[in-house]
Amino acid sequence: MVGCLTKTRKVGGSIVVTLPKELVETQNIKENQCVEIIVKKCRKNGFGMFKGMSSFTAEDEMKGQLE
């Protein structure tokens, strides 16, 4: 199984994804061929990723330096 990141776009009433040329060539994918797609939304950026995490303490910064 090979994965890639790609953007969706609207065509009529549907949302479509385009497979990159390199992926199509390496996997020998042909038109009208059945393929399985597993959908996983990606974060647009890291903002809010660490929400609720407390800030580092001096003790946290020393961990690993003396071991």
PDB file of N, CA and C in Angstrom:
ATOM      1  N   MET A   1       0.845  -1.176   0.000  1.00  0.00           N
ATOM      2  CA  MET A   1       0.000   0.000   0.000  1.00  0.00           C
ATOM      3  C   MET A   1       0.893   1.243   0.000  1.00  0.00           C
ATOM      4  N   VAL A   2       0.557   2.178  -0.837  1.00  0.00           N
ATOM      5  CA  VAL A   2       1.309   3.419  -0.966  1.00  0.00           C
ATOM      6  C   VAL A   2       0.373   4.573  -0.664  1.00  0.00           C
ATOM      7  N   GLY A   3       0.859   5.589   0.026  1.00  0.00           N
ATOM      8  CA  GLY A   3       0.021   6.735   0.347  1.00  0.00           C
ATOM      9  C   GLY A   3       0.567   8.022  -0.234  1.00  0.00           C
ATOM     10  N   CYS A   4      -0.273   9.030  -0.261  1.00  0.00           N
ATOM     11  CA  CYS A   4       0.136  10.354  -0.704  1.00  0.00           C
ATOM     12  C   CYS A   4      -0.815  11.374  -0.110  1.00  0.00           C
ATOM     13  N   LEU A   5      -0.412  12.620  -0.065  1.00  0.00           N
ATOM     14  CA  LEU A   5      -1.269  13.712   0.363  1.00  0.00           C
ATOM     15  C   LEU A   5      -1.732  14.462  -0.866  1.00  0.00           C
ATOM     16  N   THR A   6      -3.009  14.789  -0.921  1.00  0.00           N
ATOM     17  CA  THR A   6      -3.542  15.531  -2.050  1.00  0.00           C
ATOM     18  C   THR A   6      -4.718  16.368  -1.574  1.00  0.00           C
ATOM     19  N   LYS A   7      -5.049  17.404  -2.303  1.00  0.00           N
ATOM     20  CA  LYS A   7      -6.165  18.276  -1.946  1.00  0.00           C
ATOM     21  C   LYS A   7      -7.420  17.825  -2.671  1.00  0.00           C
ATOM     22  N   THR A   8      -8.564  18.105  -2.051  1.00  0.00           N
ATOM     23  CA  THR A   8      -9.837  17.834  -2.694  1.00  0.00           C
ATOM     24  C   THR A   8     -10.248  19.058  -3.498  1.00  0.00           C
ATOM     25  N   ARG A   9     -11.127  18.827  -4.478  1.00  0.00           N
ATOM     26  CA  ARG A   9     -11.707  19.951  -5.222  1.00  0.00           C
ATOM     27  C   ARG A   9     -13.126  19.577  -5.599  1.00  0.00           C
ATOM     28  N   LYS A  10     -13.937  20.591  -5.812  1.00  0.00           N
ATOM     29  CA  LYS A  10     -15.347  20.375  -6.126  1.00  0.00           C
ATOM     30  C   LYS A  10     -15.540  20.357  -7.635  1.00  0.00           C
ATOM     31  N   VAL A  11     -16.252  19.347  -8.111  1.00  0.00           N
ATOM     32  CA  VAL A  11     -16.623  19.228  -9.522  1.00  0.00           C
ATOM     33  C   VAL A  11     -18.106  18.904  -9.542  1.00  0.00           C
ATOM     34  N   GLY A  12     -18.922  19.859  -9.970  1.00  0.00           N
ATOM     35  CA  GLY A  12     -20.371  19.674  -9.914  1.00  0.00           C
ATOM     36  C   GLY A  12     -20.804  19.548  -8.474  1.00  0.00           C
ATOM     37  N   GLY A  13     -21.498  18.492  -8.144  1.00  0.00           N
ATOM     38  CA  GLY A  13     -21.932  18.267  -6.774  1.00  0.00           C
ATOM     39  C   GLY A  13     -21.033  17.316  -6.015  1.00  0.00           C
ATOM     40  N   SER A  14     -19.909  16.918  -6.611  1.00  0.00           N
ATOM     41  CA  SER A  14     -19.014  15.942  -5.983  1.00  0.00           C
ATOM     42  C   SER A  14     -17.701  16.577  -5.549  1.00  0.00           C
ATOM     43  N   ILE A  15     -17.024  15.910  -4.640  1.00  0.00           N
ATOM     44  CA  ILE A  15     -15.659  16.266  -4.241  1.00  0.00           C
ATOM     45  C   ILE A  15     -14.748  15.213  -4.861  1.00  0.00           C
ATOM     46  N   VAL A  16     -13.707  15.653  -5.543  1.00  0.00           N
ATOM     47  CA  VAL A  16     -12.787  14.706  -6.186  1.00  0.00           C
ATOM     48  C   VAL A  16     -11.365  14.919  -5.692  1.00  0.00           C
ATOM     49  N   VAL A  17     -10.566  13.876  -5.800  1.00  0.00           N
ATOM     50  CA  VAL A  17      -9.128  13.961  -5.526  1.00  0.00           C
ATOM     51  C   VAL A  17      -8.397  13.533  -6.788  1.00  0.00           C
ATOM     52  N   THR A  18      -7.238  14.115  -6.994  1.00  0.00           N
ATOM     53  CA  THR A  18      -6.414  13.764  -8.150  1.00  0.00           C
ATOM     54  C   THR A  18      -5.189  13.029  -7.653  1.00  0.00           C
ATOM     55  N   LEU A  19      -4.910  11.882  -8.237  1.00  0.00           N
ATOM     56  CA  LEU A  19      -3.719  11.120  -7.873  1.00  0.00           C
ATOM     57  C   LEU A  19      -2.520  11.694  -8.613  1.00  0.00           C
ATOM     58  N   PRO A  20      -1.406  11.925  -7.904  1.00  0.00           N
ATOM     59  CA  PRO A  20      -0.204  12.451  -8.564  1.00  0.00           C
ATOM     60  C   PRO A  20       0.305  11.499  -9.654  1.00  0.00           C
ATOM     61  N   LYS A  21       0.847  12.077 -10.706  1.00  0.00           N
ATOM     62  CA  LYS A  21       1.340  11.322 -11.857  1.00  0.00           C
ATOM     63  C   LYS A  21       2.354  10.251 -11.438  1.00  0.00           C
ATOM     64  N   GLU A  22       3.247  10.608 -10.502  1.00  0.00           N
ATOM     65  CA  GLU A  22       4.281   9.668 -10.052  1.00  0.00           C
ATOM     66  C   GLU A  22       3.653   8.439  -9.407  1.00  0.00           C
ATOM     67  N   LEU A  23       2.593   8.651  -8.607  1.00  0.00           N
ATOM     68  CA  LEU A  23       1.909   7.531  -7.956  1.00  0.00           C
ATOM     69  C   LEU A  23       1.222   6.644  -8.992  1.00  0.00           C
ATOM     70  N   VAL A  24       0.560   7.277  -9.954  1.00  0.00           N
ATOM     71  CA  VAL A  24      -0.126   6.539 -11.017  1.00  0.00           C
ATOM     72  C   VAL A  24       0.870   5.685 -11.802  1.00  0.00           C
ATOM     73  N   GLU A  25       2.025   6.265 -12.109  1.00  0.00           N
ATOM     74  CA  GLU A  25       3.028   5.526 -12.878  1.00  0.00           C
ATOM     75  C   GLU A  25       3.653   4.394 -12.081  1.00  0.00           C
ATOM     76  N   THR A  26       4.037   4.664 -10.826  1.00  0.00           N
ATOM     77  CA  THR A  26       4.699   3.626 -10.031  1.00  0.00           C
ATOM     78  C   THR A  26       3.763   2.477  -9.690  1.00  0.00           C
ATOM     79  N   GLN A  27       2.476   2.777  -9.517  1.00  0.00           N
ATOM     80  CA  GLN A  27       1.502   1.736  -9.180  1.00  0.00           C
ATOM     81  C   GLN A  27       0.796   1.166 -10.408  1.00  0.00           C
ATOM     82  N   ASN A  28       1.152   1.689 -11.590  1.00  0.00           N
ATOM     83  CA  ASN A  28       0.576   1.226 -12.855  1.00  0.00           C
ATOM     84  C   ASN A  28      -0.961   1.268 -12.827  1.00  0.00           C
ATOM     85  N   ILE A  29      -1.499   2.416 -12.379  1.00  0.00           N
ATOM     86  CA  ILE A  29      -2.946   2.609 -12.290  1.00  0.00           C
ATOM     87  C   ILE A  29      -3.462   3.070 -13.645  1.00  0.00           C
ATOM     88  N   LYS A  30      -4.522   2.431 -14.100  1.00  0.00           N
ATOM     89  CA  LYS A  30      -5.123   2.749 -15.404  1.00  0.00           C
ATOM     90  C   LYS A  30      -6.497   3.387 -15.203  1.00  0.00           C
ATOM     91  N   GLU A  31      -6.979   4.087 -16.223  1.00  0.00           N
ATOM     92  CA  GLU A  31      -8.296   4.693 -16.198  1.00  0.00           C
ATOM     93  C   GLU A  31      -9.368   3.612 -16.051  1.00  0.00           C
ATOM     94  N   ASN A  32     -10.411   3.916 -15.288  1.00  0.00           N
ATOM     95  CA  ASN A  32     -11.538   3.012 -15.014  1.00  0.00           C
ATOM     96  C   ASN A  32     -11.156   1.782 -14.193  1.00  0.00           C
ATOM     97  N   GLN A  33      -9.976   1.796 -13.583  1.00  0.00           N
ATOM     98  CA  GLN A  33      -9.547   0.693 -12.729  1.00  0.00           C
ATOM     99  C   GLN A  33     -10.065   0.943 -11.314  1.00  0.00           C
ATOM    100  N   CYS A  34     -10.468  -0.088 -10.616  1.00  0.00           N
ATOM    101  CA  CYS A  34     -10.956   0.025  -9.242  1.00  0.00           C
ATOM    102  C   CYS A  34      -9.757   0.154  -8.288  1.00  0.00           C
ATOM    103  N   VAL A  35      -9.767   1.192  -7.441  1.00  0.00           N
ATOM    104  CA  VAL A  35      -8.720   1.383  -6.438  1.00  0.00           C
ATOM    105  C   VAL A  35      -9.386   1.639  -5.092  1.00  0.00           C
ATOM    106  N   GLU A  36      -8.711   1.297  -4.011  1.00  0.00           N
ATOM    107  CA  GLU A  36      -9.221   1.535  -2.666  1.00  0.00           C
ATOM    108  C   GLU A  36      -8.584   2.809  -2.130  1.00  0.00           C
ATOM    109  N   ILE A  37      -9.407   3.699  -1.595  1.00  0.00           N
ATOM    110  CA  ILE A  37      -8.910   4.949  -1.020  1.00  0.00           C
ATOM    111  C   ILE A  37      -9.331   4.982   0.443  1.00  0.00           C
ATOM    112  N   ILE A  38      -8.380   5.191   1.341  1.00  0.00           N
ATOM    113  CA  ILE A  38      -8.657   5.339   2.766  1.00  0.00           C
ATOM    114  C   ILE A  38      -8.539   6.819   3.080  1.00  0.00           C
ATOM    115  N   VAL A  39      -9.602   7.412   3.636  1.00  0.00           N
ATOM    116  CA  VAL A  39      -9.649   8.854   3.859  1.00  0.00           C
ATOM    117  C   VAL A  39      -9.254   9.184   5.285  1.00  0.00           C
ATOM    118  N   LYS A  40      -8.322  10.118   5.435  1.00  0.00           N
ATOM    119  CA  LYS A  40      -7.903  10.630   6.732  1.00  0.00           C
ATOM    120  C   LYS A  40      -7.641  12.115   6.558  1.00  0.00           C
ATOM    121  N   LYS A  41      -8.423  12.953   7.247  1.00  0.00           N
ATOM    122  CA  LYS A  41      -8.226  14.393   7.129  1.00  0.00           C
ATOM    123  C   LYS A  41      -6.925  14.789   7.825  1.00  0.00           C
ATOM    124  N   CYS A  42      -6.215  15.724   7.215  1.00  0.00           N
ATOM    125  CA  CYS A  42      -4.956  16.223   7.763  1.00  0.00           C
ATOM    126  C   CYS A  42      -5.182  17.578   8.411  1.00  0.00           C
ATOM    127  N   ARG A  43      -4.387  17.861   9.416  1.00  0.00           N
ATOM    128  CA  ARG A  43      -4.435  19.193  10.023  1.00  0.00           C
ATOM    129  C   ARG A  43      -3.845  20.203   9.052  1.00  0.00           C
ATOM    130  N   LYS A  44      -4.481  21.361   8.967  1.00  0.00           N
ATOM    131  CA  LYS A  44      -3.992  22.407   8.077  1.00  0.00           C
ATOM    132  C   LYS A  44      -2.694  23.001   8.616  1.00  0.00           C
ATOM    133  N   ASN A  45      -2.616  23.158   9.934  1.00  0.00           N
ATOM    134  CA  ASN A  45      -1.385  23.635  10.569  1.00  0.00           C
ATOM    135  C   ASN A  45      -1.345  23.095  11.989  1.00  0.00           C
ATOM    136  N   GLY A  46      -0.333  23.413  12.718  1.00  0.00           N
ATOM    137  CA  GLY A  46      -0.175  22.897  14.068  1.00  0.00           C
ATOM    138  C   GLY A  46      -0.832  23.734  15.143  1.00  0.00           C
ATOM    139  N   PHE A  47      -1.511  24.834  14.770  1.00  0.00           N
ATOM    140  CA  PHE A  47      -2.121  25.707  15.764  1.00  0.00           C
ATOM    141  C   PHE A  47      -3.140  24.930  16.594  1.00  0.00           C
ATOM    142  N   GLY A  48      -2.994  24.997  17.907  1.00  0.00           N
ATOM    143  CA  GLY A  48      -3.920  24.330  18.806  1.00  0.00           C
ATOM    144  C   GLY A  48      -3.601  22.865  19.061  1.00  0.00           C
ATOM    145  N   MET A  49      -2.527  22.371  18.472  1.00  0.00           N
ATOM    146  CA  MET A  49      -2.185  20.963  18.600  1.00  0.00           C
ATOM    147  C   MET A  49      -1.880  20.583  20.049  1.00  0.00           C
ATOM    148  N   PHE A  50      -1.274  21.502  20.783  1.00  0.00           N
ATOM    149  CA  PHE A  50      -0.870  21.206  22.158  1.00  0.00           C
ATOM    150  C   PHE A  50      -1.770  21.894  23.173  1.00  0.00           C
ATOM    151  N   LYS A  51      -3.014  22.183  22.781  1.00  0.00           N
ATOM    152  CA  LYS A  51      -3.975  22.838  23.651  1.00  0.00           C
ATOM    153  C   LYS A  51      -4.161  22.009  24.916  1.00  0.00           C
ATOM    154  N   GLY A  52      -4.096  22.674  26.066  1.00  0.00           N
ATOM    155  CA  GLY A  52      -4.283  21.992  27.341  1.00  0.00           C
ATOM    156  C   GLY A  52      -3.001  21.460  27.937  1.00  0.00           C
ATOM    157  N   MET A  53      -1.908  21.479  27.187  1.00  0.00           N
ATOM    158  CA  MET A  53      -0.624  21.006  27.700  1.00  0.00           C
ATOM    159  C   MET A  53       0.014  22.111  28.537  1.00  0.00           C
ATOM    160  N   SER A  54       0.479  21.762  29.734  1.00  0.00           N
ATOM    161  CA  SER A  54       1.101  22.775  30.593  1.00  0.00           C
ATOM    162  C   SER A  54       2.473  23.154  30.046  1.00  0.00           C
ATOM    163  N   SER A  55       2.941  24.325  30.444  1.00  0.00           N
ATOM    164  CA  SER A  55       4.239  24.787  29.954  1.00  0.00           C
ATOM    165  C   SER A  55       5.373  24.021  30.633  1.00  0.00           C
ATOM    166  N   PHE A  56       6.537  24.055  30.019  1.00  0.00           N
ATOM    167  CA  PHE A  56       7.703  23.362  30.545  1.00  0.00           C
ATOM    168  C   PHE A  56       8.177  24.012  31.835  1.00  0.00           C
ATOM    169  N   THR A  57       8.680  23.186  32.738  1.00  0.00           N
ATOM    170  CA  THR A  57       9.267  23.679  33.985  1.00  0.00           C
ATOM    171  C   THR A  57      10.778  23.491  33.899  1.00  0.00           C
ATOM    172  N   ALA A  58      11.486  24.075  34.840  1.00  0.00           N
ATOM    173  CA  ALA A  58      12.943  23.926  34.886  1.00  0.00           C
ATOM    174  C   ALA A  58      13.304  22.444  35.040  1.00  0.00           C
ATOM    175  N   GLU A  59      12.512  21.716  35.797  1.00  0.00           N
ATOM    176  CA  GLU A  59      12.755  20.288  35.993  1.00  0.00           C
ATOM    177  C   GLU A  59      12.600  19.525  34.670  1.00  0.00           C
ATOM    178  N   ASP A  60      11.603  19.896  33.865  1.00  0.00           N
ATOM    179  CA  ASP A  60      11.411  19.260  32.557  1.00  0.00           C
ATOM    180  C   ASP A  60      12.616  19.487  31.662  1.00  0.00           C
ATOM    181  N   GLU A  61      13.162  20.684  31.682  1.00  0.00           N
ATOM    182  CA  GLU A  61      14.293  21.015  30.840  1.00  0.00           C
ATOM    183  C   GLU A  61      15.545  20.259  31.233  1.00  0.00           C
ATOM    184  N   MET A  62      15.668  19.902  32.519  1.00  0.00           N
ATOM    185  CA  MET A  62      16.858  19.181  32.999  1.00  0.00           C
ATOM    186  C   MET A  62      16.760  17.679  32.749  1.00  0.00           C
ATOM    187  N   LYS A  63      15.550  17.172  32.552  1.00  0.00           N
ATOM    188  CA  LYS A  63      15.390  15.749  32.323  1.00  0.00           C
ATOM    189  C   LYS A  63      16.154  15.334  31.076  1.00  0.00           C
ATOM    190  N   GLY A  64      16.848  14.235  31.166  1.00  0.00           N
ATOM    191  CA  GLY A  64      17.584  13.727  30.019  1.00  0.00           C
ATOM    192  C   GLY A  64      19.001  14.275  29.912  1.00  0.00           C
ATOM    193  N   GLN A  65      19.271  15.397  30.543  1.00  0.00           N
ATOM    194  CA  GLN A  65      20.618  15.971  30.456  1.00  0.00           C
ATOM    195  C   GLN A  65      21.576  15.340  31.449  1.00  0.00           C
ATOM    196  N   LEU A  66      21.033  14.820  32.554  1.00  0.00           N
ATOM    197  CA  LEU A  66      21.888  14.225  33.572  1.00  0.00           C
ATOM    198  C   LEU A  66      21.921  12.721  33.492  1.00  0.00           C
ATOM    199  N   GLU A  67      21.090  12.148  32.645  1.00  0.00           N
ATOM    200  CA  GLU A  67      21.006  10.682  32.549  1.00  0.00           C
ATOM    201  C   GLU A  67      22.006  10.136  31.583  1.00  0.00           C
TER     202      GLU A  67
END
